[in-house]
Amino acid sequence: MQRWAHIKNGVCENVSIWDGDTSRWSPPADVEMVAAPDHIGVGWLYDGDEWAAPPIVDPPDVVDLPVEE
């Protein structure tokens, strides 16, 4: 069995272990199954040839709310 990335619109939406047998299961028409190295996970980008880490997103600012007494 091998690790497969579920690629939709160039983004990895899921990673699964699959034997590649499409007679037993086939991905949805809009999902491409790509053999995935161990470091690939949800959010990684795939352009058809190369993988790229997902963009780093800054966390939202923390807002201090007043505490009711």
N, C-alpha and C. Protein backbone atom coordinates (compact mmCIF):
# COMPACT_ATOMS: atom_id res chain seq x y z
N MET A 1 0.85 -1.19 0.00
CA MET A 1 0.00 0.00 0.00
C MET A 1 0.89 1.24 0.00
N GLN A 2 0.36 2.29 -0.56
CA GLN A 2 1.12 3.52 -0.71
C GLN A 2 0.31 4.71 -0.21
N ARG A 3 1.01 5.78 0.16
CA ARG A 3 0.36 7.03 0.55
C ARG A 3 -0.04 7.77 -0.71
N TRP A 4 -1.27 8.25 -0.73
CA TRP A 4 -1.78 9.01 -1.87
C TRP A 4 -2.36 10.33 -1.39
N ALA A 5 -2.03 11.39 -2.11
CA ALA A 5 -2.60 12.70 -1.84
C ALA A 5 -3.82 12.88 -2.74
N HIS A 6 -4.89 13.39 -2.17
CA HIS A 6 -6.11 13.71 -2.93
C HIS A 6 -5.97 15.18 -3.34
N ILE A 7 -5.71 15.43 -4.60
CA ILE A 7 -5.45 16.79 -5.09
C ILE A 7 -6.68 17.33 -5.80
N LYS A 8 -7.13 18.49 -5.33
CA LYS A 8 -8.25 19.18 -5.95
C LYS A 8 -7.85 20.64 -6.14
N ASN A 9 -7.90 21.10 -7.38
CA ASN A 9 -7.51 22.48 -7.71
C ASN A 9 -6.11 22.81 -7.21
N GLY A 10 -5.20 21.83 -7.30
CA GLY A 10 -3.81 22.05 -6.93
C GLY A 10 -3.49 21.99 -5.46
N VAL A 11 -4.48 21.64 -4.63
CA VAL A 11 -4.28 21.61 -3.18
C VAL A 11 -4.57 20.20 -2.65
N CYS A 12 -3.71 19.73 -1.76
CA CYS A 12 -3.93 18.43 -1.13
C CYS A 12 -5.05 18.57 -0.11
N GLU A 13 -6.15 17.87 -0.35
CA GLU A 13 -7.30 17.93 0.55
C GLU A 13 -7.33 16.78 1.56
N ASN A 14 -6.58 15.71 1.26
CA ASN A 14 -6.56 14.55 2.14
C ASN A 14 -5.38 13.69 1.74
N VAL A 15 -4.94 12.83 2.66
CA VAL A 15 -3.92 11.84 2.36
C VAL A 15 -4.44 10.51 2.86
N SER A 16 -4.29 9.48 2.04
CA SER A 16 -4.78 8.17 2.46
C SER A 16 -3.81 7.07 2.02
N ILE A 17 -3.98 5.92 2.62
CA ILE A 17 -3.24 4.73 2.22
C ILE A 17 -4.17 3.95 1.29
N TRP A 18 -3.68 3.65 0.09
CA TRP A 18 -4.55 3.04 -0.93
C TRP A 18 -3.71 2.14 -1.80
N ASP A 19 -4.30 1.07 -2.27
CA ASP A 19 -3.57 0.15 -3.14
C ASP A 19 -3.59 0.57 -4.61
N GLY A 20 -4.31 1.63 -4.94
CA GLY A 20 -4.36 2.13 -6.31
C GLY A 20 -5.32 1.38 -7.22
N ASP A 21 -6.06 0.44 -6.65
CA ASP A 21 -6.98 -0.38 -7.44
C ASP A 21 -8.29 0.36 -7.66
N THR A 22 -8.45 0.92 -8.87
CA THR A 22 -9.66 1.69 -9.17
C THR A 22 -10.87 0.80 -9.44
N SER A 23 -10.68 -0.50 -9.49
CA SER A 23 -11.85 -1.39 -9.64
C SER A 23 -12.58 -1.54 -8.30
N ARG A 24 -11.87 -1.22 -7.21
CA ARG A 24 -12.49 -1.32 -5.87
C ARG A 24 -12.95 0.04 -5.35
N TRP A 25 -12.24 1.09 -5.73
CA TRP A 25 -12.59 2.46 -5.32
C TRP A 25 -11.98 3.42 -6.32
N SER A 26 -12.73 4.44 -6.66
CA SER A 26 -12.24 5.49 -7.54
C SER A 26 -12.50 6.84 -6.89
N PRO A 27 -11.56 7.76 -7.03
CA PRO A 27 -11.77 9.09 -6.47
C PRO A 27 -12.83 9.83 -7.27
N PRO A 28 -13.42 10.86 -6.69
CA PRO A 28 -14.36 11.69 -7.45
C PRO A 28 -13.67 12.24 -8.71
N ALA A 29 -14.44 12.58 -9.70
CA ALA A 29 -13.91 13.05 -10.98
C ALA A 29 -13.04 14.30 -10.85
N ASP A 30 -13.31 15.13 -9.85
CA ASP A 30 -12.55 16.38 -9.71
C ASP A 30 -11.35 16.25 -8.78
N VAL A 31 -10.99 15.01 -8.41
CA VAL A 31 -9.85 14.76 -7.53
C VAL A 31 -8.82 13.92 -8.27
N GLU A 32 -7.57 14.37 -8.22
CA GLU A 32 -6.47 13.61 -8.79
C GLU A 32 -5.72 12.93 -7.66
N MET A 33 -5.46 11.66 -7.80
CA MET A 33 -4.69 10.91 -6.80
C MET A 33 -3.23 10.92 -7.22
N VAL A 34 -2.35 11.39 -6.32
CA VAL A 34 -0.93 11.50 -6.61
C VAL A 34 -0.16 10.80 -5.49
N ALA A 35 0.79 9.95 -5.86
CA ALA A 35 1.64 9.30 -4.86
C ALA A 35 2.30 10.39 -4.01
N ALA A 36 2.22 10.25 -2.69
CA ALA A 36 2.67 11.32 -1.80
C ALA A 36 3.85 10.89 -0.94
N PRO A 37 4.93 11.67 -0.96
CA PRO A 37 6.03 11.41 -0.03
C PRO A 37 5.55 11.57 1.41
N ASP A 38 6.32 11.06 2.35
CA ASP A 38 5.91 11.06 3.76
C ASP A 38 5.67 12.44 4.34
N HIS A 39 6.35 13.47 3.85
CA HIS A 39 6.21 14.81 4.45
C HIS A 39 5.01 15.59 3.91
N ILE A 40 4.30 15.07 2.94
CA ILE A 40 3.17 15.77 2.35
C ILE A 40 1.92 15.58 3.20
N GLY A 41 1.16 16.65 3.38
CA GLY A 41 -0.08 16.58 4.15
C GLY A 41 -1.11 17.54 3.60
N VAL A 42 -2.23 17.60 4.28
CA VAL A 42 -3.32 18.49 3.88
C VAL A 42 -2.81 19.92 3.80
N GLY A 43 -3.19 20.59 2.72
CA GLY A 43 -2.80 21.98 2.53
C GLY A 43 -1.61 22.17 1.61
N TRP A 44 -0.82 21.12 1.40
CA TRP A 44 0.32 21.25 0.49
C TRP A 44 -0.18 21.51 -0.92
N LEU A 45 0.63 22.18 -1.71
CA LEU A 45 0.27 22.54 -3.07
C LEU A 45 1.00 21.62 -4.05
N TYR A 46 0.32 21.27 -5.14
CA TYR A 46 0.91 20.40 -6.17
C TYR A 46 0.56 20.96 -7.54
N ASP A 47 1.58 21.25 -8.34
CA ASP A 47 1.35 21.86 -9.65
C ASP A 47 1.38 20.86 -10.81
N GLY A 48 1.41 19.59 -10.50
CA GLY A 48 1.49 18.56 -11.52
C GLY A 48 2.88 17.97 -11.64
N ASP A 49 3.88 18.70 -11.12
CA ASP A 49 5.27 18.23 -11.14
C ASP A 49 5.94 18.33 -9.77
N GLU A 50 5.69 19.44 -9.08
CA GLU A 50 6.40 19.70 -7.83
C GLU A 50 5.44 20.02 -6.70
N TRP A 51 5.89 19.69 -5.49
CA TRP A 51 5.16 20.00 -4.26
C TRP A 51 5.67 21.31 -3.68
N ALA A 52 4.80 22.05 -3.02
CA ALA A 52 5.18 23.27 -2.31
C ALA A 52 4.44 23.30 -0.98
N ALA A 53 5.16 23.73 0.03
CA ALA A 53 4.56 23.84 1.36
C ALA A 53 3.41 24.84 1.33
N PRO A 54 2.41 24.62 2.18
CA PRO A 54 1.30 25.58 2.21
C PRO A 54 1.80 26.95 2.68
N PRO A 55 1.13 28.00 2.24
CA PRO A 55 1.55 29.34 2.68
C PRO A 55 1.36 29.49 4.19
N ILE A 56 2.26 30.25 4.78
CA ILE A 56 2.17 30.52 6.22
C ILE A 56 1.19 31.66 6.43
N VAL A 57 0.23 31.43 7.28
CA VAL A 57 -0.79 32.43 7.56
C VAL A 57 -0.60 32.92 8.99
N ASP A 58 -0.50 34.23 9.15
CA ASP A 58 -0.37 34.78 10.50
C ASP A 58 -1.66 34.56 11.27
N PRO A 59 -1.54 34.20 12.55
CA PRO A 59 -2.75 34.02 13.35
C PRO A 59 -3.45 35.36 13.54
N PRO A 60 -4.75 35.33 13.77
CA PRO A 60 -5.47 36.59 13.99
C PRO A 60 -5.02 37.24 15.30
N ASP A 61 -5.18 38.55 15.35
CA ASP A 61 -4.85 39.27 16.58
C ASP A 61 -5.77 38.82 17.70
N VAL A 62 -5.21 38.78 18.89
CA VAL A 62 -6.00 38.43 20.07
C VAL A 62 -6.63 39.70 20.61
N VAL A 63 -7.89 39.63 20.88
CA VAL A 63 -8.62 40.78 21.40
C VAL A 63 -8.98 40.49 22.85
N ASP A 64 -8.58 41.41 23.74
CA ASP A 64 -8.95 41.27 25.15
C ASP A 64 -10.36 41.77 25.34
N LEU A 65 -11.23 40.93 25.83
CA LEU A 65 -12.61 41.30 26.09
C LEU A 65 -12.75 41.63 27.58
N PRO A 66 -13.61 42.59 27.90
CA PRO A 66 -13.80 42.92 29.32
C PRO A 66 -14.46 41.74 30.04
N VAL A 67 -14.07 41.57 31.28
CA VAL A 67 -14.62 40.50 32.10
C VAL A 67 -15.72 41.09 32.96
N GLU A 68 -16.91 40.48 32.87
CA GLU A 68 -18.01 40.96 33.71
C GLU A 68 -17.86 40.41 35.10
N GLU A 69 -18.10 41.25 36.07
CA GLU A 69 -17.99 40.81 37.48
C GLU A 69 -19.35 40.75 38.11
